[in-house]
Amino acid sequence: MNDFLKKLTIGVENDGKRLDNLMFLIAKKTPKSLVYKLIRKGRIKVDGKKSTPSTKLKAGNIINFPAYLESEPTKISPPKGLVKLINDSVLYENDDVLLINKPCGLGSHSGTGLKFGLIELARDARKHILKLDLVHRLDRDTSGCLLLSKDLMTLRELHEIWSTKKVEKFYIALFKGRIRKELNRIEVNLETARGALGEKRAFAMGQKRALTSILEKKYIKDNTLVTLRLDTGRMHQIRAHARYIGHPLAGDDKYGDRDFNKALKKDGLSRLFLHASRIKIYSENLKIDVKAPLPLELGRVLSNFEQ
């Protein structure tokens, strides 16, 4: 009898997760000691190979595991209003991809304190699509272009080119203070670690290369509205880079300036001023250039500034 009756393709939502931690989620009713034993004996494999419990998974990996481990999930249908919000937020769609203008406050996927993320809502809104996965992620507090793939071949192709010049990701952000005119790029290595409260944070002067290009600047009420290009894709990259140069993002409660944020609330800003405004892809099979309009609440803040 073949144990390997179940196959799971790792999506971006589980990229970087340890094999044992993922299996604990899948096999909730199975003792952890048995999960460890099956991994050590090679009955739970990654891409057909024996692995260790601490193996870091990557998007596109295929996990084989005995079918009897999988716990039956409790199915909860998402609210119709949220599903409609996703349908109303579609920017572009073809046979290969779905591009959504993610609202601020909605996570890319379910997780801590969130029953539903964008991917769960999108899967409900597109039930006829057999394979719908996140290509990348946006922070919960960031709005804008979020790309999903409709098949494994497209997902793998996009992951191969995602950090190359074939993909360009643009953002609009509001920085505290006036950024000097000659500053056109921020290149400071970052590292992800746990902060004082145990939350994940990006810290400057780490080991991983991180580059953010500043393409346009506009001074508004002693602050700077910028158009950025994300040349690498580190966690919280723009937010950490903004803090590093001494011009934190408006409305950033993790890397920002508390007094600055408090003052901005009088101008109507109640969220992070960071928006994924455009995505361009030049691959052999995909040619996309789509813009996400600035959310109304951010547009009103700029109008209040200018008045």
C-alpha atoms as a PDB file:
ATOM      1  CA  MET A   1       0.000   0.000   0.000  1.00  0.00           C
ATOM      2  CA  ASN A   2       1.359   3.396  -0.961  1.00  0.00           C
ATOM      3  CA  ASP A   3       1.436   5.848   1.963  1.00  0.00           C
ATOM      4  CA  PHE A   4       1.909   8.866  -0.278  1.00  0.00           C
ATOM      5  CA  LEU A   5      -1.689   9.449  -1.229  1.00  0.00           C
ATOM      6  CA  LYS A   6      -1.613  13.174  -0.570  1.00  0.00           C
ATOM      7  CA  LYS A   7       0.389  15.823  -2.379  1.00  0.00           C
ATOM      8  CA  LEU A   8       0.574  19.440  -1.333  1.00  0.00           C
ATOM      9  CA  THR A   9       2.208  22.169  -3.423  1.00  0.00           C
ATOM     10  CA  ILE A  10       3.663  24.918  -1.241  1.00  0.00           C
ATOM     11  CA  GLY A  11       2.232  28.349  -1.997  1.00  0.00           C
ATOM     12  CA  VAL A  12       3.772  31.702  -1.135  1.00  0.00           C
ATOM     13  CA  GLU A  13       1.709  31.818   2.077  1.00  0.00           C
ATOM     14  CA  ASN A  14       3.822  28.939   3.433  1.00  0.00           C
ATOM     15  CA  ASP A  15       7.134  30.017   1.886  1.00  0.00           C
ATOM     16  CA  GLY A  16       9.833  29.909   4.586  1.00  0.00           C
ATOM     17  CA  LYS A  17       7.802  27.750   6.981  1.00  0.00           C
ATOM     18  CA  ARG A  18       9.456  24.738   8.611  1.00  0.00           C
ATOM     19  CA  LEU A  19       8.322  21.300   7.458  1.00  0.00           C
ATOM     20  CA  ASP A  20       7.373  20.162  10.973  1.00  0.00           C
ATOM     21  CA  ASN A  21       5.306  23.284  11.658  1.00  0.00           C
ATOM     22  CA  LEU A  22       3.395  22.860   8.405  1.00  0.00           C
ATOM     23  CA  MET A  23       2.692  19.203   9.162  1.00  0.00           C
ATOM     24  CA  PHE A  24       1.412  20.113  12.627  1.00  0.00           C
ATOM     25  CA  LEU A  25      -1.201  22.310  10.922  1.00  0.00           C
ATOM     26  CA  ILE A  26      -2.140  19.575   8.452  1.00  0.00           C
ATOM     27  CA  ALA A  27      -2.172  16.747  11.021  1.00  0.00           C
ATOM     28  CA  LYS A  28      -3.809  18.515  13.963  1.00  0.00           C
ATOM     29  CA  LYS A  29      -5.134  15.266  15.455  1.00  0.00           C
ATOM     30  CA  THR A  30      -1.820  13.412  15.142  1.00  0.00           C
ATOM     31  CA  PRO A  31       0.718  13.381  18.023  1.00  0.00           C
ATOM     32  CA  LYS A  32       3.731  15.542  17.221  1.00  0.00           C
ATOM     33  CA  SER A  33       6.018  12.657  18.128  1.00  0.00           C
ATOM     34  CA  LEU A  34       4.518  10.605  15.284  1.00  0.00           C
ATOM     35  CA  VAL A  35       4.953  13.487  12.820  1.00  0.00           C
ATOM     36  CA  TYR A  36       8.644  13.722  13.764  1.00  0.00           C
ATOM     37  CA  LYS A  37       9.032   9.956  13.409  1.00  0.00           C
ATOM     38  CA  LEU A  38       7.458   9.935   9.927  1.00  0.00           C
ATOM     39  CA  ILE A  39       9.711  12.782   8.779  1.00  0.00           C
ATOM     40  CA  ARG A  40      12.836  11.037  10.101  1.00  0.00           C
ATOM     41  CA  LYS A  41      11.845   7.752   8.396  1.00  0.00           C
ATOM     42  CA  GLY A  42      11.253   9.531   5.088  1.00  0.00           C
ATOM     43  CA  ARG A  43       7.515   8.921   4.948  1.00  0.00           C
ATOM     44  CA  ILE A  44       6.982  12.661   4.709  1.00  0.00           C
ATOM     45  CA  LYS A  45       9.084  13.976   1.833  1.00  0.00           C
ATOM     46  CA  VAL A  46       9.866  17.275   0.130  1.00  0.00           C
ATOM     47  CA  ASP A  47      10.134  17.065  -3.671  1.00  0.00           C
ATOM     48  CA  GLY A  48      10.440  13.286  -3.341  1.00  0.00           C
ATOM     49  CA  LYS A  49      13.436  13.487  -0.991  1.00  0.00           C
ATOM     50  CA  LYS A  50      13.879  12.613   2.652  1.00  0.00           C
ATOM     51  CA  SER A  51      14.065  15.802   4.721  1.00  0.00           C
ATOM     52  CA  THR A  52      14.467  16.977   8.301  1.00  0.00           C
ATOM     53  CA  PRO A  53      11.848  18.570  10.576  1.00  0.00           C
ATOM     54  CA  SER A  54      13.627  21.935  10.325  1.00  0.00           C
ATOM     55  CA  THR A  55      13.683  21.978   6.501  1.00  0.00           C
ATOM     56  CA  LYS A  56      12.646  25.442   5.306  1.00  0.00           C
ATOM     57  CA  LEU A  57       9.992  25.133   2.618  1.00  0.00           C
ATOM     58  CA  LYS A  58       9.947  27.175  -0.571  1.00  0.00           C
ATOM     59  CA  ALA A  59       7.035  28.088  -2.800  1.00  0.00           C
ATOM     60  CA  GLY A  60       6.674  25.393  -5.447  1.00  0.00           C
ATOM     61  CA  ASN A  61       7.948  22.536  -3.251  1.00  0.00           C
ATOM     62  CA  ILE A  62       5.759  19.420  -3.313  1.00  0.00           C
ATOM     63  CA  ILE A  63       5.118  17.663   0.008  1.00  0.00           C
ATOM     64  CA  ASN A  64       4.173  13.971   0.022  1.00  0.00           C
ATOM     65  CA  PHE A  65       2.561  12.631   3.181  1.00  0.00           C
ATOM     66  CA  PRO A  66       0.301   9.725   4.236  1.00  0.00           C
ATOM     67  CA  ALA A  67      -3.342  10.593   3.623  1.00  0.00           C
ATOM     68  CA  TYR A  68      -4.401   9.406   7.071  1.00  0.00           C
ATOM     69  CA  LEU A  69      -2.536  12.327   8.673  1.00  0.00           C
ATOM     70  CA  GLU A  70      -4.762  15.020   7.215  1.00  0.00           C
ATOM     71  CA  SER A  71      -7.392  16.317   9.625  1.00  0.00           C
ATOM     72  CA  GLU A  72     -10.738  17.202   8.139  1.00  0.00           C
ATOM     73  CA  PRO A  73     -10.890  21.003   8.098  1.00  0.00           C
ATOM     74  CA  THR A  74     -13.874  22.790   9.560  1.00  0.00           C
ATOM     75  CA  LYS A  75     -15.392  24.526   6.584  1.00  0.00           C
ATOM     76  CA  ILE A  76     -16.578  28.066   7.213  1.00  0.00           C
ATOM     77  CA  SER A  77     -17.867  30.064   4.293  1.00  0.00           C
ATOM     78  CA  PRO A  78     -16.553  33.630   4.128  1.00  0.00           C
ATOM     79  CA  PRO A  79     -19.045  36.527   4.376  1.00  0.00           C
ATOM     80  CA  LYS A  80     -20.633  37.367   1.027  1.00  0.00           C
ATOM     81  CA  GLY A  81     -19.723  41.022   1.492  1.00  0.00           C
ATOM     82  CA  LEU A  82     -16.007  40.213   1.604  1.00  0.00           C
ATOM     83  CA  VAL A  83     -16.253  37.959  -1.449  1.00  0.00           C
ATOM     84  CA  LYS A  84     -18.032  40.771  -3.313  1.00  0.00           C
ATOM     85  CA  LEU A  85     -15.267  43.166  -2.230  1.00  0.00           C
ATOM     86  CA  ILE A  86     -12.709  40.892  -3.922  1.00  0.00           C
ATOM     87  CA  ASN A  87     -14.791  40.643  -7.100  1.00  0.00           C
ATOM     88  CA  ASP A  88     -15.103  44.430  -7.174  1.00  0.00           C
ATOM     89  CA  SER A  89     -11.341  44.811  -6.665  1.00  0.00           C
ATOM     90  CA  VAL A  90     -10.174  42.810  -9.697  1.00  0.00           C
ATOM     91  CA  LEU A  91      -7.800  44.903 -11.820  1.00  0.00           C
ATOM     92  CA  TYR A  92      -6.890  42.339 -14.471  1.00  0.00           C
ATOM     93  CA  GLU A  93      -7.612  38.711 -15.279  1.00  0.00           C
ATOM     94  CA  ASN A  94      -6.708  36.235 -18.013  1.00  0.00           C
ATOM     95  CA  ASP A  95      -6.376  32.442 -18.262  1.00  0.00           C
ATOM     96  CA  ASP A  96      -3.130  32.456 -16.244  1.00  0.00           C
ATOM     97  CA  VAL A  97      -3.355  35.131 -13.546  1.00  0.00           C
ATOM     98  CA  LEU A  98      -5.698  37.211 -11.414  1.00  0.00           C
ATOM     99  CA  LEU A  99      -4.569  40.674 -10.274  1.00  0.00           C
ATOM    100  CA  ILE A 100      -6.445  42.221  -7.350  1.00  0.00           C
ATOM    101  CA  ASN A 101      -6.327  45.686  -5.801  1.00  0.00           C
ATOM    102  CA  LYS A 102      -5.966  44.489  -2.205  1.00  0.00           C
ATOM    103  CA  PRO A 103      -7.773  46.679   0.328  1.00  0.00           C
ATOM    104  CA  CYS A 104      -5.883  47.959   3.366  1.00  0.00           C
ATOM    105  CA  GLY A 105      -6.565  45.884   6.482  1.00  0.00           C
ATOM    106  CA  LEU A 106      -7.001  42.608   4.600  1.00  0.00           C
ATOM    107  CA  GLY A 107      -4.202  40.075   5.003  1.00  0.00           C
ATOM    108  CA  SER A 108      -2.788  38.263   1.990  1.00  0.00           C
ATOM    109  CA  HIS A 109      -3.818  35.015   3.698  1.00  0.00           C
ATOM    110  CA  SER A 110      -5.476  33.890   6.914  1.00  0.00           C
ATOM    111  CA  GLY A 111      -3.353  33.784  10.013  1.00  0.00           C
ATOM    112  CA  THR A 112      -3.025  35.415  13.394  1.00  0.00           C
ATOM    113  CA  GLY A 113      -6.454  36.752  14.271  1.00  0.00           C
ATOM    114  CA  LEU A 114      -7.688  36.460  10.667  1.00  0.00           C
ATOM    115  CA  LYS A 115     -10.204  33.809   9.603  1.00  0.00           C
ATOM    116  CA  PHE A 116      -9.989  34.890   5.976  1.00  0.00           C
ATOM    117  CA  GLY A 117      -7.268  36.474   3.899  1.00  0.00           C
ATOM    118  CA  LEU A 118      -7.357  37.586   0.300  1.00  0.00           C
ATOM    119  CA  ILE A 119      -6.379  34.168  -1.050  1.00  0.00           C
ATOM    120  CA  GLU A 120      -9.213  32.387   0.779  1.00  0.00           C
ATOM    121  CA  LEU A 121     -11.716  34.993  -0.421  1.00  0.00           C
ATOM    122  CA  ALA A 122     -10.406  34.820  -3.999  1.00  0.00           C
ATOM    123  CA  ARG A 123     -10.688  31.027  -4.012  1.00  0.00           C
ATOM    124  CA  ASP A 124     -14.295  31.349  -2.889  1.00  0.00           C
ATOM    125  CA  ALA A 125     -14.972  33.994  -5.537  1.00  0.00           C
ATOM    126  CA  ARG A 126     -13.403  31.805  -8.254  1.00  0.00           C
ATOM    127  CA  LYS A 127     -14.555  28.331  -7.223  1.00  0.00           C
ATOM    128  CA  HIS A 128     -14.204  27.084 -10.802  1.00  0.00           C
ATOM    129  CA  ILE A 129     -10.416  27.612 -10.726  1.00  0.00           C
ATOM    130  CA  LEU A 130      -8.784  24.410  -9.488  1.00  0.00           C
ATOM    131  CA  LYS A 131      -5.418  25.958  -8.560  1.00  0.00           C
ATOM    132  CA  LEU A 132      -5.343  29.559  -7.323  1.00  0.00           C
ATOM    133  CA  ASP A 133      -2.244  30.689  -5.397  1.00  0.00           C
ATOM    134  CA  LEU A 134      -0.549  33.850  -4.198  1.00  0.00           C
ATOM    135  CA  VAL A 135       2.482  34.770  -6.292  1.00  0.00           C
ATOM    136  CA  HIS A 136       3.713  37.207  -3.625  1.00  0.00           C
ATOM    137  CA  ARG A 137       2.465  38.926  -0.475  1.00  0.00           C
ATOM    138  CA  LEU A 138       1.588  42.411   0.721  1.00  0.00           C
ATOM    139  CA  ASP A 139       1.542  43.519   4.344  1.00  0.00           C
ATOM    140  CA  ARG A 140      -1.920  43.637   5.864  1.00  0.00           C
ATOM    141  CA  ASP A 141      -1.735  47.435   6.127  1.00  0.00           C
ATOM    142  CA  THR A 142      -0.552  47.897   2.514  1.00  0.00           C
ATOM    143  CA  SER A 143      -3.061  48.249  -0.307  1.00  0.00           C
ATOM    144  CA  GLY A 144      -2.668  47.706  -4.039  1.00  0.00           C
ATOM    145  CA  CYS A 145      -1.554  45.219  -6.684  1.00  0.00           C
ATOM    146  CA  LEU A 146      -1.506  41.610  -5.533  1.00  0.00           C
ATOM    147  CA  LEU A 147      -0.971  38.877  -8.122  1.00  0.00           C
ATOM    148  CA  LEU A 148      -2.391  35.347  -8.052  1.00  0.00           C
ATOM    149  CA  SER A 149      -1.647  32.471 -10.425  1.00  0.00           C
ATOM    150  CA  LYS A 150      -4.189  30.015 -11.803  1.00  0.00           C
ATOM    151  CA  ASP A 151      -1.946  27.008 -12.384  1.00  0.00           C
ATOM    152  CA  LEU A 152       1.298  25.503 -11.124  1.00  0.00           C
ATOM    153  CA  MET A 153       3.227  26.170 -14.345  1.00  0.00           C
ATOM    154  CA  THR A 154       2.453  29.901 -14.181  1.00  0.00           C
ATOM    155  CA  LEU A 155       3.274  30.012 -10.466  1.00  0.00           C
ATOM    156  CA  ARG A 156       6.695  28.464 -11.039  1.00  0.00           C
ATOM    157  CA  GLU A 157       7.444  30.714 -14.010  1.00  0.00           C
ATOM    158  CA  LEU A 158       6.603  33.824 -11.998  1.00  0.00           C
ATOM    159  CA  HIS A 159       8.671  32.700  -9.014  1.00  0.00           C
ATOM    160  CA  GLU A 160      11.673  32.181 -11.295  1.00  0.00           C
ATOM    161  CA  ILE A 161      11.536  35.750 -12.627  1.00  0.00           C
ATOM    162  CA  TRP A 162      10.103  37.542  -9.590  1.00  0.00           C
ATOM    163  CA  SER A 163      13.415  38.975  -8.399  1.00  0.00           C
ATOM    164  CA  THR A 164      14.694  39.799 -11.888  1.00  0.00           C
ATOM    165  CA  LYS A 165      14.288  42.860 -14.101  1.00  0.00           C
ATOM    166  CA  LYS A 166      11.441  41.097 -15.887  1.00  0.00           C
ATOM    167  CA  VAL A 167       9.178  42.138 -13.005  1.00  0.00           C
ATOM    168  CA  GLU A 168       8.831  45.728 -11.778  1.00  0.00           C
ATOM    169  CA  LYS A 169       6.823  46.639  -8.664  1.00  0.00           C
ATOM    170  CA  PHE A 170       5.974  50.282  -7.958  1.00  0.00           C
ATOM    171  CA  TYR A 171       4.663  51.887  -4.763  1.00  0.00           C
ATOM    172  CA  ILE A 172       3.364  55.273  -3.675  1.00  0.00           C
ATOM    173  CA  ALA A 173       4.276  56.297  -0.124  1.00  0.00           C
ATOM    174  CA  LEU A 174       4.301  59.346   2.121  1.00  0.00           C
ATOM    175  CA  PHE A 175       7.548  59.908   4.040  1.00  0.00           C
ATOM    176  CA  LYS A 176       7.932  62.125   7.088  1.00  0.00           C
ATOM    177  CA  GLY A 177       9.948  65.271   6.346  1.00  0.00           C
ATOM    178  CA  ARG A 178      11.649  66.388   3.155  1.00  0.00           C
ATOM    179  CA  ILE A 179      13.876  63.770   1.572  1.00  0.00           C
ATOM    180  CA  ARG A 180      16.943  65.402   0.056  1.00  0.00           C
ATOM    181  CA  LYS A 181      16.665  65.795  -3.714  1.00  0.00           C
ATOM    182  CA  GLU A 182      19.812  63.817  -4.555  1.00  0.00           C
ATOM    183  CA  LEU A 183      18.657  60.679  -2.710  1.00  0.00           C
ATOM    184  CA  ASN A 184      17.471  58.319  -5.456  1.00  0.00           C
ATOM    185  CA  ARG A 185      18.087  54.879  -3.937  1.00  0.00           C
ATOM    186  CA  ILE A 186      18.218  53.206  -0.562  1.00  0.00           C
ATOM    187  CA  GLU A 187      20.497  50.188  -0.506  1.00  0.00           C
ATOM    188  CA  VAL A 188      20.805  48.802   3.004  1.00  0.00           C
ATOM    189  CA  ASN A 189      20.923  45.097   3.828  1.00  0.00           C
ATOM    190  CA  LEU A 190      18.087  43.802   5.991  1.00  0.00           C
ATOM    191  CA  GLU A 191      17.588  40.885   8.340  1.00  0.00           C
ATOM    192  CA  THR A 192      14.375  39.467   9.781  1.00  0.00           C
ATOM    193  CA  ALA A 193      14.334  38.835  13.515  1.00  0.00           C
ATOM    194  CA  ARG A 194      11.994  38.943  16.482  1.00  0.00           C
ATOM    195  CA  GLY A 195      11.382  42.318  18.101  1.00  0.00           C
ATOM    196  CA  ALA A 196      11.061  43.070  21.807  1.00  0.00           C
ATOM    197  CA  LEU A 197       7.415  41.947  21.806  1.00  0.00           C
ATOM    198  CA  GLY A 198       8.153  38.757  19.859  1.00  0.00           C
ATOM    199  CA  GLU A 199       6.852  40.046  16.529  1.00  0.00           C
ATOM    200  CA  LYS A 200       8.768  39.648  13.264  1.00  0.00           C
ATOM    201  CA  ARG A 201      10.634  42.789  12.191  1.00  0.00           C
ATOM    202  CA  ALA A 202      13.143  43.802   9.547  1.00  0.00           C
ATOM    203  CA  PHE A 203      16.382  45.253  10.905  1.00  0.00           C
ATOM    204  CA  ALA A 204      18.951  47.262   8.955  1.00  0.00           C
ATOM    205  CA  MET A 205      22.562  46.166   8.449  1.00  0.00           C
ATOM    206  CA  GLY A 206      21.623  42.506   8.033  1.00  0.00           C
ATOM    207  CA  GLN A 207      22.871  39.897   5.559  1.00  0.00           C
ATOM    208  CA  LYS A 208      20.222  40.095   2.831  1.00  0.00           C
ATOM    209  CA  ARG A 209      20.630  42.634   0.042  1.00  0.00           C
ATOM    210  CA  ALA A 210      17.754  45.111  -0.149  1.00  0.00           C
ATOM    211  CA  LEU A 211      17.381  47.905  -2.719  1.00  0.00           C
ATOM    212  CA  THR A 212      14.592  50.475  -2.998  1.00  0.00           C
ATOM    213  CA  SER A 213      14.717  53.019  -5.838  1.00  0.00           C
ATOM    214  CA  ILE A 214      13.153  56.462  -5.390  1.00  0.00           C
ATOM    215  CA  LEU A 215      11.792  57.490  -8.789  1.00  0.00           C
ATOM    216  CA  GLU A 216       9.774  60.640  -8.041  1.00  0.00           C
ATOM    217  CA  LYS A 217       9.434  63.102  -5.148  1.00  0.00           C
ATOM    218  CA  LYS A 218       6.827  65.740  -4.381  1.00  0.00           C
ATOM    219  CA  TYR A 219       7.035  67.904  -1.273  1.00  0.00           C
ATOM    220  CA  ILE A 220       3.705  68.286   0.488  1.00  0.00           C
ATOM    221  CA  LYS A 221       3.331  70.166   3.774  1.00  0.00           C
ATOM    222  CA  ASP A 222       6.962  69.544   4.800  1.00  0.00           C
ATOM    223  CA  ASN A 223       6.635  65.842   3.932  1.00  0.00           C
ATOM    224  CA  THR A 224       7.504  63.891   0.789  1.00  0.00           C
ATOM    225  CA  LEU A 225       5.178  61.954  -1.488  1.00  0.00           C
ATOM    226  CA  VAL A 226       7.308  59.433  -3.358  1.00  0.00           C
ATOM    227  CA  THR A 227       7.024  56.878  -6.134  1.00  0.00           C
ATOM    228  CA  LEU A 228       9.227  53.881  -5.383  1.00  0.00           C
ATOM    229  CA  ARG A 229      10.378  50.799  -7.231  1.00  0.00           C
ATOM    230  CA  LEU A 230      10.964  47.713  -5.117  1.00  0.00           C
ATOM    231  CA  ASP A 231      14.098  46.162  -6.629  1.00  0.00           C
ATOM    232  CA  THR A 232      14.288  43.379  -4.030  1.00  0.00           C
ATOM    233  CA  GLY A 233      11.471  41.881  -2.005  1.00  0.00           C
ATOM    234  CA  ARG A 234      12.453  41.675   1.651  1.00  0.00           C
ATOM    235  CA  MET A 235       9.857  41.615   4.416  1.00  0.00           C
ATOM    236  CA  HIS A 236       8.788  45.179   5.383  1.00  0.00           C
ATOM    237  CA  GLN A 237      11.541  46.471   3.092  1.00  0.00           C
ATOM    238  CA  ILE A 238      10.126  49.916   2.309  1.00  0.00           C
ATOM    239  CA  ARG A 239       9.066  50.500   5.898  1.00  0.00           C
ATOM    240  CA  ALA A 240      12.467  49.485   7.296  1.00  0.00           C
ATOM    241  CA  HIS A 241      14.363  51.531   4.681  1.00  0.00           C
ATOM    242  CA  ALA A 242      12.218  54.591   5.405  1.00  0.00           C
ATOM    243  CA  ARG A 243      13.021  54.325   9.096  1.00  0.00           C
ATOM    244  CA  TYR A 244      16.723  53.819   8.385  1.00  0.00           C
ATOM    245  CA  ILE A 245      17.049  57.098   6.432  1.00  0.00           C
ATOM    246  CA  GLY A 246      15.191  59.002   9.149  1.00  0.00           C
ATOM    247  CA  HIS A 247      11.986  59.562   7.150  1.00  0.00           C
ATOM    248  CA  PRO A 248       9.508  56.958   8.449  1.00  0.00           C
ATOM    249  CA  LEU A 249       6.298  56.248   6.572  1.00  0.00           C
ATOM    250  CA  ALA A 250       3.141  58.093   7.515  1.00  0.00           C
ATOM    251  CA  GLY A 251       0.788  55.971   9.581  1.00  0.00           C
ATOM    252  CA  ASP A 252       3.354  53.234  10.271  1.00  0.00           C
ATOM    253  CA  ASP A 253       2.675  51.941  13.779  1.00  0.00           C
ATOM    254  CA  LYS A 254       5.601  49.498  13.725  1.00  0.00           C
ATOM    255  CA  TYR A 255       8.523  51.439  12.209  1.00  0.00           C
ATOM    256  CA  GLY A 256       7.106  54.947  12.283  1.00  0.00           C
ATOM    257  CA  ASP A 257       6.972  58.067  14.453  1.00  0.00           C
ATOM    258  CA  ARG A 258       4.158  58.016  17.023  1.00  0.00           C
ATOM    259  CA  ASP A 259       3.809  61.804  17.324  1.00  0.00           C
ATOM    260  CA  PHE A 260       3.879  62.224  13.532  1.00  0.00           C
ATOM    261  CA  ASN A 261       1.156  59.612  13.124  1.00  0.00           C
ATOM    262  CA  LYS A 262      -0.960  61.232  15.824  1.00  0.00           C
ATOM    263  CA  ALA A 263      -0.750  64.599  14.063  1.00  0.00           C
ATOM    264  CA  LEU A 264      -1.673  63.021  10.720  1.00  0.00           C
ATOM    265  CA  LYS A 265      -4.924  61.680  12.137  1.00  0.00           C
ATOM    266  CA  LYS A 266      -6.179  65.274  12.146  1.00  0.00           C
ATOM    267  CA  ASP A 267      -5.694  65.234   8.377  1.00  0.00           C
ATOM    268  CA  GLY A 268      -7.738  62.037   8.129  1.00  0.00           C
ATOM    269  CA  LEU A 269      -4.965  59.426   7.937  1.00  0.00           C
ATOM    270  CA  SER A 270      -5.958  56.307   9.868  1.00  0.00           C
ATOM    271  CA  ARG A 271      -3.806  53.744   8.003  1.00  0.00           C
ATOM    272  CA  LEU A 272      -0.333  53.156   6.607  1.00  0.00           C
ATOM    273  CA  PHE A 273       0.355  55.442   3.645  1.00  0.00           C
ATOM    274  CA  LEU A 274       1.809  52.749   1.395  1.00  0.00           C
ATOM    275  CA  HIS A 275       0.138  51.598  -1.817  1.00  0.00           C
ATOM    276  CA  ALA A 276       1.354  49.061  -4.416  1.00  0.00           C
ATOM    277  CA  SER A 277       0.418  51.237  -7.366  1.00  0.00           C
ATOM    278  CA  ARG A 278       1.659  49.342 -10.412  1.00  0.00           C
ATOM    279  CA  ILE A 279       3.056  46.025 -11.553  1.00  0.00           C
ATOM    280  CA  LYS A 280       4.838  45.292 -14.856  1.00  0.00           C
ATOM    281  CA  ILE A 281       5.795  41.817 -16.049  1.00  0.00           C
ATOM    282  CA  TYR A 282       7.787  40.972 -19.173  1.00  0.00           C
ATOM    283  CA  SER A 283       8.079  37.193 -19.386  1.00  0.00           C
ATOM    284  CA  GLU A 284       7.934  34.847 -22.344  1.00  0.00           C
ATOM    285  CA  ASN A 285       4.307  33.969 -21.662  1.00  0.00           C
ATOM    286  CA  LEU A 286       3.090  36.990 -19.678  1.00  0.00           C
ATOM    287  CA  LYS A 287       3.130  40.669 -20.562  1.00  0.00           C
ATOM    288  CA  ILE A 288       1.304  42.746 -17.963  1.00  0.00           C
ATOM    289  CA  ASP A 289       1.295  46.438 -17.084  1.00  0.00           C
ATOM    290  CA  VAL A 290      -1.478  47.265 -14.627  1.00  0.00           C
ATOM    291  CA  LYS A 291      -2.024  50.219 -12.276  1.00  0.00           C
ATOM    292  CA  ALA A 292      -4.038  50.296  -9.061  1.00  0.00           C
ATOM    293  CA  PRO A 293      -5.661  53.691  -8.400  1.00  0.00           C
ATOM    294  CA  LEU A 294      -4.779  55.436  -5.145  1.00  0.00           C
ATOM    295  CA  PRO A 295      -7.420  54.590  -2.511  1.00  0.00           C
ATOM    296  CA  LEU A 296      -9.911  57.356  -1.783  1.00  0.00           C
ATOM    297  CA  GLU A 297      -8.826  57.678   1.849  1.00  0.00           C
ATOM    298  CA  LEU A 298      -5.222  58.402   0.810  1.00  0.00           C
ATOM    299  CA  GLY A 299      -6.353  60.828  -1.877  1.00  0.00           C
ATOM    300  CA  ARG A 300      -8.391  62.748   0.711  1.00  0.00           C
ATOM    301  CA  VAL A 301      -5.346  63.031   2.988  1.00  0.00           C
ATOM    302  CA  LEU A 302      -3.315  64.585   0.147  1.00  0.00           C
ATOM    303  CA  SER A 303      -6.168  66.996  -0.612  1.00  0.00           C
ATOM    304  CA  ASN A 304      -6.307  68.043   3.042  1.00  0.00           C
ATOM    305  CA  PHE A 305      -2.542  68.656   2.960  1.00  0.00           C
ATOM    306  CA  GLU A 306      -2.700  70.811  -0.153  1.00  0.00           C
ATOM    307  CA  GLN A 307      -5.590  72.868   1.183  1.00  0.00           C
END
